[in-house]
Protein backbone atom coordinates (compact mmCIF):
# COMPACT_ATOMS: atom_id res chain seq x y z
CA MET A 1 40.61 -17.00 26.39
CA PRO A 2 41.16 -16.62 22.70
CA TRP A 3 38.17 -15.15 20.40
CA SER A 4 38.06 -19.04 18.65
CA LEU A 5 37.15 -20.38 21.92
CA ARG A 6 34.26 -18.04 22.46
CA TRP A 7 32.99 -18.14 19.42
CA HIS A 8 32.81 -22.09 19.72
CA LEU A 9 31.29 -21.39 22.72
CA ALA A 10 28.39 -19.33 22.05
CA LEU A 11 27.84 -21.74 19.02
CA ARG A 12 27.50 -24.78 21.05
CA GLN A 13 25.08 -22.91 23.15
CA THR A 14 22.88 -21.84 20.35
CA PHE A 15 23.03 -24.89 18.32
CA ASP A 16 23.84 -27.39 20.92
CA PRO A 17 22.51 -30.84 19.04
CA GLY A 18 21.55 -32.39 22.28
CA LYS A 19 18.02 -31.96 24.51
CA GLY A 20 19.28 -29.92 26.89
CA LEU A 21 17.50 -26.91 28.12
CA SER A 22 19.74 -24.17 26.85
CA ALA A 23 19.59 -25.60 23.46
CA PHE A 24 15.37 -25.78 23.71
CA LEU A 25 15.73 -22.38 25.05
CA SER A 26 17.68 -21.00 21.87
CA ARG A 27 15.46 -22.91 19.22
CA VAL A 28 12.44 -20.71 20.92
CA SER A 29 14.11 -17.67 20.61
CA ILE A 30 15.24 -17.99 17.15
CA VAL A 31 11.82 -19.39 16.45
CA GLY A 32 9.85 -16.24 18.03
CA MET A 33 12.30 -14.00 16.73
CA ALA A 34 11.50 -15.28 13.13
CA LEU A 35 7.91 -15.49 13.24
CA ALA A 36 7.72 -11.64 14.45
CA ILE A 37 10.22 -10.84 11.58
CA ALA A 38 8.33 -12.68 8.91
CA LEU A 39 4.60 -11.18 10.41
CA LEU A 40 6.20 -7.54 10.08
CA LEU A 41 7.81 -8.08 6.67
CA THR A 42 4.49 -9.55 5.33
CA VAL A 43 2.17 -6.94 6.60
CA GLN A 44 4.77 -4.27 5.61
CA SER A 45 4.72 -5.75 1.99
CA VAL A 46 1.00 -5.51 1.80
CA MET A 47 0.78 -1.98 3.20
CA ASN A 48 3.73 -0.91 0.66
CA GLY A 49 1.24 -2.36 -2.12
CA PHE A 50 -1.77 0.04 -1.39
CA ASP A 51 0.64 2.43 -0.98
CA ARG A 52 2.02 1.40 -4.71
CA GLU A 53 -1.34 1.17 -5.99
CA MET A 54 -2.26 3.99 -5.06
CA ARG A 55 0.10 6.29 -6.48
CA ASP A 56 0.80 3.83 -9.99
CA ARG A 57 -2.57 2.63 -10.29
CA ILE A 58 -5.78 5.18 -8.75
CA LEU A 59 -3.38 8.22 -9.45
CA ALA A 60 -2.55 7.46 -12.47
CA LEU A 61 -6.10 7.21 -13.58
CA VAL A 62 -7.78 10.41 -12.11
CA PRO A 63 -6.71 14.06 -12.97
CA HIS A 64 -3.61 15.21 -11.20
CA VAL A 65 -5.06 18.73 -11.09
CA GLN A 66 -8.62 19.55 -12.64
CA VAL A 67 -9.34 22.90 -13.72
CA LEU A 68 -13.04 23.48 -13.85
CA GLY A 69 -15.41 26.67 -15.20
CA ALA A 70 -18.79 27.85 -17.08
CA GLY A 71 -19.45 30.00 -19.69
CA PRO A 72 -18.61 30.65 -23.15
CA THR A 73 -16.27 33.32 -22.43
CA VAL A 74 -13.23 30.49 -21.17
CA ASP A 75 -10.78 30.45 -24.45
CA TRP A 76 -9.96 26.52 -23.54
CA PRO A 77 -7.90 25.81 -26.27
CA GLY A 78 -5.77 28.43 -25.37
CA LEU A 79 -5.74 27.99 -21.78
CA ALA A 80 -4.78 24.12 -22.56
CA ALA A 81 -1.74 25.34 -24.57
CA MET A 82 -0.49 27.82 -21.90
CA LEU A 83 -0.86 24.76 -19.44
CA GLU A 84 0.62 22.15 -21.72
CA SER A 85 3.97 24.31 -22.33
CA ASP A 86 4.62 23.96 -18.05
CA PRO A 87 7.83 21.43 -18.01
CA GLY A 88 6.09 19.59 -15.06
CA VAL A 89 3.02 19.09 -17.52
CA VAL A 90 2.99 15.44 -18.78
CA SER A 91 -0.34 15.98 -20.74
CA VAL A 92 -3.34 17.91 -21.05
CA ARG A 93 -7.19 16.75 -21.85
CA ARG A 94 -10.19 18.76 -22.02
CA PHE A 95 -13.31 17.38 -20.53
CA VAL A 96 -16.71 18.34 -20.06
CA ALA A 97 -18.66 17.28 -16.83
CA ALA A 98 -22.38 16.78 -16.30
CA ASP A 99 -24.55 15.57 -13.76
CA SER A 100 -27.33 13.16 -14.76
CA LEU A 101 -29.92 10.75 -14.22
CA LEU A 102 -29.59 6.78 -15.80
CA LEU A 103 -32.79 5.19 -16.38
CA ARG A 104 -32.21 1.50 -16.49
CA GLY A 105 -35.73 -0.39 -16.51
CA GLN A 106 -37.21 0.52 -13.50
CA SER A 107 -34.58 1.96 -11.62
CA VAL A 108 -32.88 5.57 -11.80
CA ALA A 109 -29.13 5.93 -10.28
CA ALA A 110 -27.29 9.79 -10.01
CA THR A 111 -23.99 9.41 -12.42
CA GLN A 112 -21.71 12.05 -13.29
CA LEU A 113 -20.87 11.88 -17.03
CA THR A 114 -17.59 13.12 -18.12
CA GLY A 115 -17.07 13.76 -21.98
CA VAL A 116 -13.65 13.31 -23.30
CA ASP A 117 -12.21 12.67 -26.90
CA ALA A 118 -10.68 9.70 -28.23
CA ALA A 119 -7.21 10.78 -27.25
CA SER A 120 -8.69 11.01 -23.47
CA VAL A 121 -10.03 7.39 -23.52
CA SER A 122 -6.83 5.90 -25.37
CA HIS A 123 -5.11 6.70 -21.52
CA TYR A 124 -7.27 4.03 -19.92
CA GLY A 125 -5.63 1.40 -22.22
CA ALA A 126 -5.94 -2.15 -21.41
CA LEU A 127 -8.32 -1.73 -18.92
CA LEU A 128 -10.94 -1.37 -21.39
CA SER A 129 -12.73 -4.13 -22.57
CA PRO A 130 -13.26 -4.66 -25.34
CA ALA A 131 -11.04 -2.34 -27.14
CA VAL A 132 -12.58 0.92 -28.14
CA ASP A 133 -12.02 1.22 -31.88
CA VAL A 134 -14.53 4.38 -32.57
CA TRP A 135 -15.31 6.93 -30.25
CA ASP A 136 -17.97 8.82 -31.31
CA GLU A 137 -21.54 10.56 -29.71
CA GLN A 138 -23.18 7.22 -29.10
CA SER A 139 -20.42 5.16 -27.36
CA LEU A 140 -20.12 4.88 -23.82
CA VAL A 141 -17.72 3.67 -21.14
CA LEU A 142 -18.66 2.25 -17.55
CA GLY A 143 -16.82 0.78 -14.72
CA ALA A 144 -17.15 -2.41 -14.16
CA ALA A 145 -18.80 -2.21 -10.60
CA MET A 146 -21.28 0.27 -12.02
CA VAL A 147 -21.93 -2.64 -15.00
CA THR A 148 -22.17 -5.57 -12.41
CA ARG A 149 -24.78 -3.42 -10.60
CA LEU A 150 -27.05 -2.68 -12.91
CA GLY A 151 -26.72 -5.50 -14.75
CA LEU A 152 -25.62 -4.44 -17.94
CA ARG A 153 -23.31 -5.85 -20.99
CA VAL A 154 -21.74 -4.48 -23.82
CA GLY A 155 -24.25 -3.55 -26.58
CA ASP A 156 -26.84 -2.37 -24.08
CA ARG A 157 -28.85 0.83 -24.96
CA LEU A 158 -28.87 3.26 -22.25
CA SER A 159 -30.70 6.57 -21.33
CA PHE A 160 -29.36 9.48 -19.29
CA ILE A 161 -31.56 12.33 -18.11
CA LEU A 162 -30.09 16.29 -18.69
CA PRO A 163 -31.09 19.49 -18.02
CA THR A 164 -31.00 21.57 -21.13
CA SER A 165 -29.28 24.91 -21.60
CA GLU A 166 -32.19 26.55 -20.45
CA GLY A 167 -32.27 24.64 -17.08
CA ALA A 168 -36.04 24.10 -17.34
CA GLN A 169 -36.27 21.02 -19.45
CA TYR A 170 -34.46 18.03 -19.40
CA GLN A 171 -33.37 16.09 -22.53
CA PRO A 172 -32.45 12.29 -22.60
CA LEU A 173 -28.90 11.59 -23.83
CA ASN A 174 -29.31 7.97 -25.46
CA VAL A 175 -25.83 6.12 -25.95
CA THR A 176 -24.52 2.58 -26.13
CA LEU A 177 -22.27 0.65 -24.06
CA THR A 178 -19.04 0.23 -25.96
CA ALA A 179 -17.01 -0.83 -23.52
CA VAL A 180 -16.13 -1.67 -19.62
CA LEU A 181 -13.51 -0.55 -17.39
CA GLU A 182 -12.21 -2.66 -14.97
CA SER A 183 -9.39 -1.28 -12.97
CA GLY A 184 -9.54 -3.03 -9.73
CA THR A 185 -10.00 0.15 -7.99
CA GLU A 186 -12.85 2.60 -6.55
CA LEU A 187 -13.22 4.13 -10.16
CA ASP A 188 -14.88 1.20 -11.04
CA GLU A 189 -17.99 2.58 -9.01
CA VAL A 190 -18.51 5.50 -10.23
CA LEU A 191 -16.95 5.86 -13.91
CA ALA A 192 -19.54 7.22 -17.03
CA LEU A 193 -17.54 8.26 -20.47
CA VAL A 194 -19.15 9.42 -23.28
CA ASN A 195 -18.04 11.59 -26.33
CA ARG A 196 -17.26 15.25 -25.63
CA GLN A 197 -19.49 16.36 -28.61
CA ALA A 198 -22.34 14.10 -27.05
CA LEU A 199 -22.81 16.88 -24.15
CA SER A 200 -22.19 20.03 -26.11
CA PRO A 201 -26.07 20.62 -26.39
CA TYR A 202 -26.30 20.79 -22.92
CA LEU A 203 -23.54 23.38 -21.96
CA GLY A 204 -24.79 26.25 -20.32
CA SER A 205 -26.87 24.68 -17.76
CA ALA A 206 -25.87 24.46 -13.77
CA SER A 207 -25.00 21.09 -13.57
CA THR A 208 -23.14 20.74 -16.78
CA ARG A 209 -19.37 22.60 -16.96
CA GLU A 210 -16.20 22.29 -18.95
CA GLY A 211 -12.83 21.88 -17.96
CA ILE A 212 -9.13 20.59 -18.21
CA ALA A 213 -7.94 17.47 -16.71
CA ILE A 214 -4.18 17.51 -15.94
CA GLN A 215 -1.25 14.72 -15.57
CA LEU A 216 1.95 15.93 -13.69
CA ALA A 217 5.37 14.24 -13.97
CA ASP A 218 5.51 14.45 -10.06
CA VAL A 219 2.30 13.51 -8.62
CA PHE A 220 3.05 14.73 -5.16
CA ALA A 221 3.93 18.43 -6.72
CA ALA A 222 0.01 19.00 -7.61
CA SER A 223 -0.83 21.56 -4.54
CA ASP A 224 2.47 23.29 -5.39
CA TRP A 225 1.94 23.46 -8.76
CA ARG A 226 -1.83 24.34 -8.47
CA TRP A 227 -0.95 27.16 -5.90
CA ARG A 228 1.58 28.61 -8.57
CA VAL A 229 -0.49 28.52 -11.76
CA TYR A 230 -3.74 29.64 -9.64
CA GLU A 231 -2.70 33.06 -9.81
CA GLN A 232 -2.07 33.02 -13.93
CA LEU A 233 -5.69 31.75 -14.49
CA PRO A 234 -8.73 33.79 -15.03
CA ALA A 235 -10.97 34.12 -11.62
CA PRO A 236 -14.10 32.34 -12.82
CA LEU A 237 -12.02 29.22 -13.04
CA GLN A 238 -11.84 26.78 -10.38
CA ILE A 239 -8.70 24.63 -9.99
CA THR A 240 -8.19 21.52 -7.46
CA ASP A 241 -6.00 18.67 -6.98
CA TRP A 242 -6.27 14.87 -6.62
CA ARG A 243 -5.79 15.70 -2.59
CA THR A 244 -8.91 17.12 -2.87
CA THR A 245 -10.67 14.01 -3.63
CA HIS A 246 -8.44 11.38 -2.77
CA GLY A 247 -6.12 12.93 -0.32
CA ASN A 248 -8.15 11.51 2.71
CA LEU A 249 -7.45 8.29 1.27
CA TYR A 250 -3.77 8.46 0.50
CA SER A 251 -3.03 9.81 4.05
CA ALA A 252 -5.37 7.20 5.69
CA ILE A 253 -3.07 4.47 4.03
CA GLN A 254 0.18 6.10 5.34
CA LEU A 255 -1.37 6.39 8.78
CA SER A 256 -2.39 2.51 8.61
CA ARG A 257 0.83 1.70 7.43
CA ASP A 258 3.20 3.56 10.08
CA LEU A 259 0.69 2.30 12.97
CA VAL A 260 0.56 -1.14 11.95
CA GLY A 261 4.36 -0.82 11.73
CA MET A 262 4.95 0.54 15.00
CA ILE A 263 2.31 -2.50 16.27
CA LEU A 264 4.58 -5.16 14.47
CA PHE A 265 7.98 -3.84 15.61
CA ILE A 266 6.55 -4.08 19.58
CA VAL A 267 6.15 -8.02 18.42
CA ILE A 268 10.21 -7.97 17.39
CA LEU A 269 10.19 -6.15 21.32
CA VAL A 270 8.26 -8.69 22.78
CA ALA A 271 10.57 -11.25 20.76
CA ALA A 272 13.70 -9.85 21.96
CA PHE A 273 11.97 -9.61 25.74
CA ASN A 274 11.85 -13.38 25.14
CA VAL A 275 15.81 -13.53 24.09
CA VAL A 276 16.45 -12.17 27.65
CA SER A 277 14.74 -14.62 29.56
CA SER A 278 15.73 -17.27 27.63
CA LEU A 279 19.32 -16.44 28.35
CA MET A 280 19.07 -15.55 32.07
CA LEU A 281 17.66 -19.17 32.02
CA VAL A 282 20.57 -20.08 29.95
CA VAL A 283 22.84 -18.93 32.67
CA THR A 284 21.04 -20.73 35.48
CA ASP A 285 21.08 -23.49 33.53
CA ARG A 286 24.86 -23.34 32.68
CA ARG A 287 26.04 -21.78 36.39
CA ARG A 288 28.15 -25.11 36.85
CA ALA A 289 29.97 -24.62 33.83
CA VAL A 290 30.19 -21.12 34.02
CA ALA A 291 31.68 -21.54 37.60
CA MET A 292 34.36 -24.47 36.31
CA LEU A 293 35.51 -21.94 33.41
CA MET A 294 35.75 -19.05 35.84
CA ALA A 295 37.95 -21.35 38.19
CA MET A 296 40.26 -22.46 35.26
CA GLY A 297 41.21 -18.72 34.51
CA GLY A 298 38.13 -17.84 32.21
CA ARG A 299 37.47 -13.72 33.05
CA GLY A 300 34.43 -11.64 32.98
CA THR A 301 34.67 -10.24 29.43
CA ASP A 302 34.93 -13.72 28.26
CA LEU A 303 31.61 -14.65 29.49
CA THR A 304 30.10 -11.18 28.57
CA ALA A 305 31.55 -12.06 24.80
CA VAL A 306 30.32 -15.45 24.66
CA PHE A 307 26.85 -14.45 25.42
CA PHE A 308 27.10 -11.31 23.15
CA PHE A 309 27.63 -13.50 20.63
CA GLN A 310 24.80 -16.16 21.56
CA GLY A 311 22.24 -12.92 21.31
CA GLY A 312 24.14 -11.84 17.79
CA LEU A 313 23.37 -15.73 16.81
CA ILE A 314 19.94 -16.05 18.03
CA GLY A 315 18.99 -12.46 16.17
CA LEU A 316 20.96 -13.62 12.94
CA VAL A 317 19.53 -16.88 12.72
CA GLY A 318 16.01 -15.40 13.55
CA ALA A 319 16.40 -12.55 10.84
CA LEU A 320 17.54 -14.91 7.85
CA ALA A 321 14.74 -17.51 8.75
CA GLY A 322 12.03 -14.51 9.13
CA MET A 323 13.30 -13.08 5.77
CA LEU A 324 12.55 -15.96 3.95
CA LEU A 325 9.38 -17.04 5.93
CA GLY A 326 7.92 -13.54 4.97
CA TYR A 327 9.11 -13.07 1.59
CA GLY A 328 7.57 -16.71 0.83
CA LEU A 329 4.07 -15.50 2.82
CA ALA A 330 4.25 -12.24 1.36
CA MET A 331 4.46 -13.55 -2.09
CA SER A 332 1.75 -16.03 -1.51
CA THR A 333 -0.90 -13.74 0.28
CA PRO A 334 -2.66 -12.70 -2.80
CA ASP A 335 -3.17 -16.36 -3.56
CA MET A 336 -4.03 -16.95 -0.19
CA ALA A 337 -6.84 -13.98 0.02
CA ASN A 338 -8.03 -15.47 -3.20
CA TRP A 339 -8.17 -19.02 -2.15
CA LEU A 340 -10.17 -18.19 1.27
CA GLU A 341 -12.64 -15.91 -0.77
CA GLN A 342 -13.61 -19.01 -2.80
CA ILE A 343 -14.01 -20.89 -0.17
CA LEU A 344 -15.93 -18.86 2.40
CA GLY A 345 -17.64 -17.28 -1.06
CA MET A 346 -17.03 -13.88 0.03
CA ARG A 347 -15.25 -10.54 -1.10
CA PHE A 348 -12.74 -9.57 1.43
CA LEU A 349 -12.40 -6.34 -0.77
CA GLN A 350 -14.99 -4.80 -2.73
CA THR A 351 -14.41 -1.39 -4.40
CA ASP A 352 -17.80 0.31 -2.60
CA VAL A 353 -15.82 0.26 0.79
CA TYR A 354 -12.06 -0.33 -0.01
CA PRO A 355 -9.69 1.54 -2.75
CA LEU A 356 -9.19 -1.60 -4.37
CA SER A 357 -10.29 -4.97 -5.26
CA TYR A 358 -7.49 -7.05 -4.55
CA VAL A 359 -4.57 -7.34 -2.17
CA PRO A 360 -1.58 -6.01 -3.42
CA VAL A 361 2.15 -6.55 -2.47
CA ASP A 362 4.83 -4.68 -3.09
CA ILE A 363 8.37 -6.35 -1.60
CA ARG A 364 10.86 -3.81 -0.85
CA TRP A 365 14.56 -5.29 0.13
CA GLN A 366 15.03 -2.12 1.78
CA ASP A 367 12.57 -2.75 4.51
CA PHE A 368 13.93 -6.47 5.18
CA MET A 369 17.31 -5.37 5.38
CA THR A 370 16.32 -2.39 7.89
CA THR A 371 13.97 -4.76 10.04
CA SER A 372 16.95 -7.69 10.09
CA VAL A 373 19.57 -5.10 11.36
CA ILE A 374 17.01 -3.78 13.94
CA ALA A 375 16.36 -7.28 15.21
CA ILE A 376 19.84 -8.44 15.28
CA GLY A 377 20.96 -5.18 17.31
CA LEU A 378 17.65 -5.72 19.83
CA SER A 379 19.12 -9.25 20.19
CA VAL A 380 22.59 -8.15 20.95
CA LEU A 381 21.28 -5.61 23.51
CA ALA A 382 19.34 -8.38 24.71
CA ALA A 383 22.11 -10.39 26.06
CA VAL A 384 23.61 -7.61 27.84
CA LEU A 385 21.47 -8.44 31.42
CA PRO A 386 22.62 -12.60 30.91
CA ALA A 387 25.83 -11.75 30.10
CA LEU A 388 26.40 -9.25 33.13
CA ARG A 389 24.69 -12.20 35.39
CA ALA A 390 26.99 -14.66 34.33
CA ALA A 391 29.85 -12.52 35.06
CA SER A 392 29.02 -11.82 38.43
CA LEU A 393 28.20 -15.27 39.46
CA PRO A 394 30.01 -16.51 43.05
CA ILE A 395 32.28 -19.04 41.86
CA ALA A 396 33.11 -20.66 45.29
CA GLU A 397 29.41 -20.77 46.32
CA THR A 398 28.37 -22.48 42.96
CA LEU A 399 30.65 -24.84 43.13
CA ALA A 400 29.91 -25.88 46.59
CA HIS A 401 26.30 -26.56 45.39
């Protein structure tokens, strides 16, 4: 049997315009494969989005490495210059961290103030609303979630209570809310920035420490870089990296991504099993045509090739349809999430529980291609058993009945 005839028979069994059982089963198999691939690609794109936002948004805002210390004996300018000379360092920013109490009417909230200079404020760029033109000792930047929770507005006057250097007395720090930072991440819950000079009177207390925030060119080299420079730092200093504060979150995102991918890959296996059962029913439905083809000189290899072609066509068409459907679902997922939030009157993601307040999507074509190739391969393998079944049908008994 020529290859063109084998291909023609496979096309006819897969896309038969009639209403026979074989055509119906082929369509069901294609639809099942397309839905499984679309679901997998959509969820993969969302999980990729969380992974991207974790790397590009959250880790871009938090220090990759922090050096903390207390006491006036540390040469912070010299230490900053030494760290900045490292080729793997992108930027070095000095800061002051102080534990404080925020007073707002009758309510009190524990807050950690971070004192930074004007260059550090510009690091947050377009996330600030309004833009900060003047950064003095009266300026304050708060995260959007904290502003909403406390019912604040730009221009409000706030008081923070901090211990003095003696540690026995507490002194208020009065500042004005200058801008709000809205990053859509968990940082909106805790961020509180003031001018570094405003915290100078409180240096020396147990709850106020100076430090250096370091941004690296390779965020995932933070742990190795930290241990490499640890021996160069004075003993009283403490050095930590982003994995200390956000490492569990990143690991949880990666684990969720792997688990969801594995679960949805099983869905594709189920769809491939559906191809097996469908093709077995096709063999039963076409047993008389198979027997006649064998009686006319057809061989087992011819029938095996026909069913392999049919399995490959089901996988190919299902993969193409699944890729298109998955792309459409992935692109519309953020809009659908916003629409459902408006309809139900609730927020699915909030930064006090989740790292992001929105649904991110990152479509990676390598995932689309890998998933499609695997689906086509499984469909071809699913045709093995039906092909062997068709090749082993008894010709005389089948034609007699």
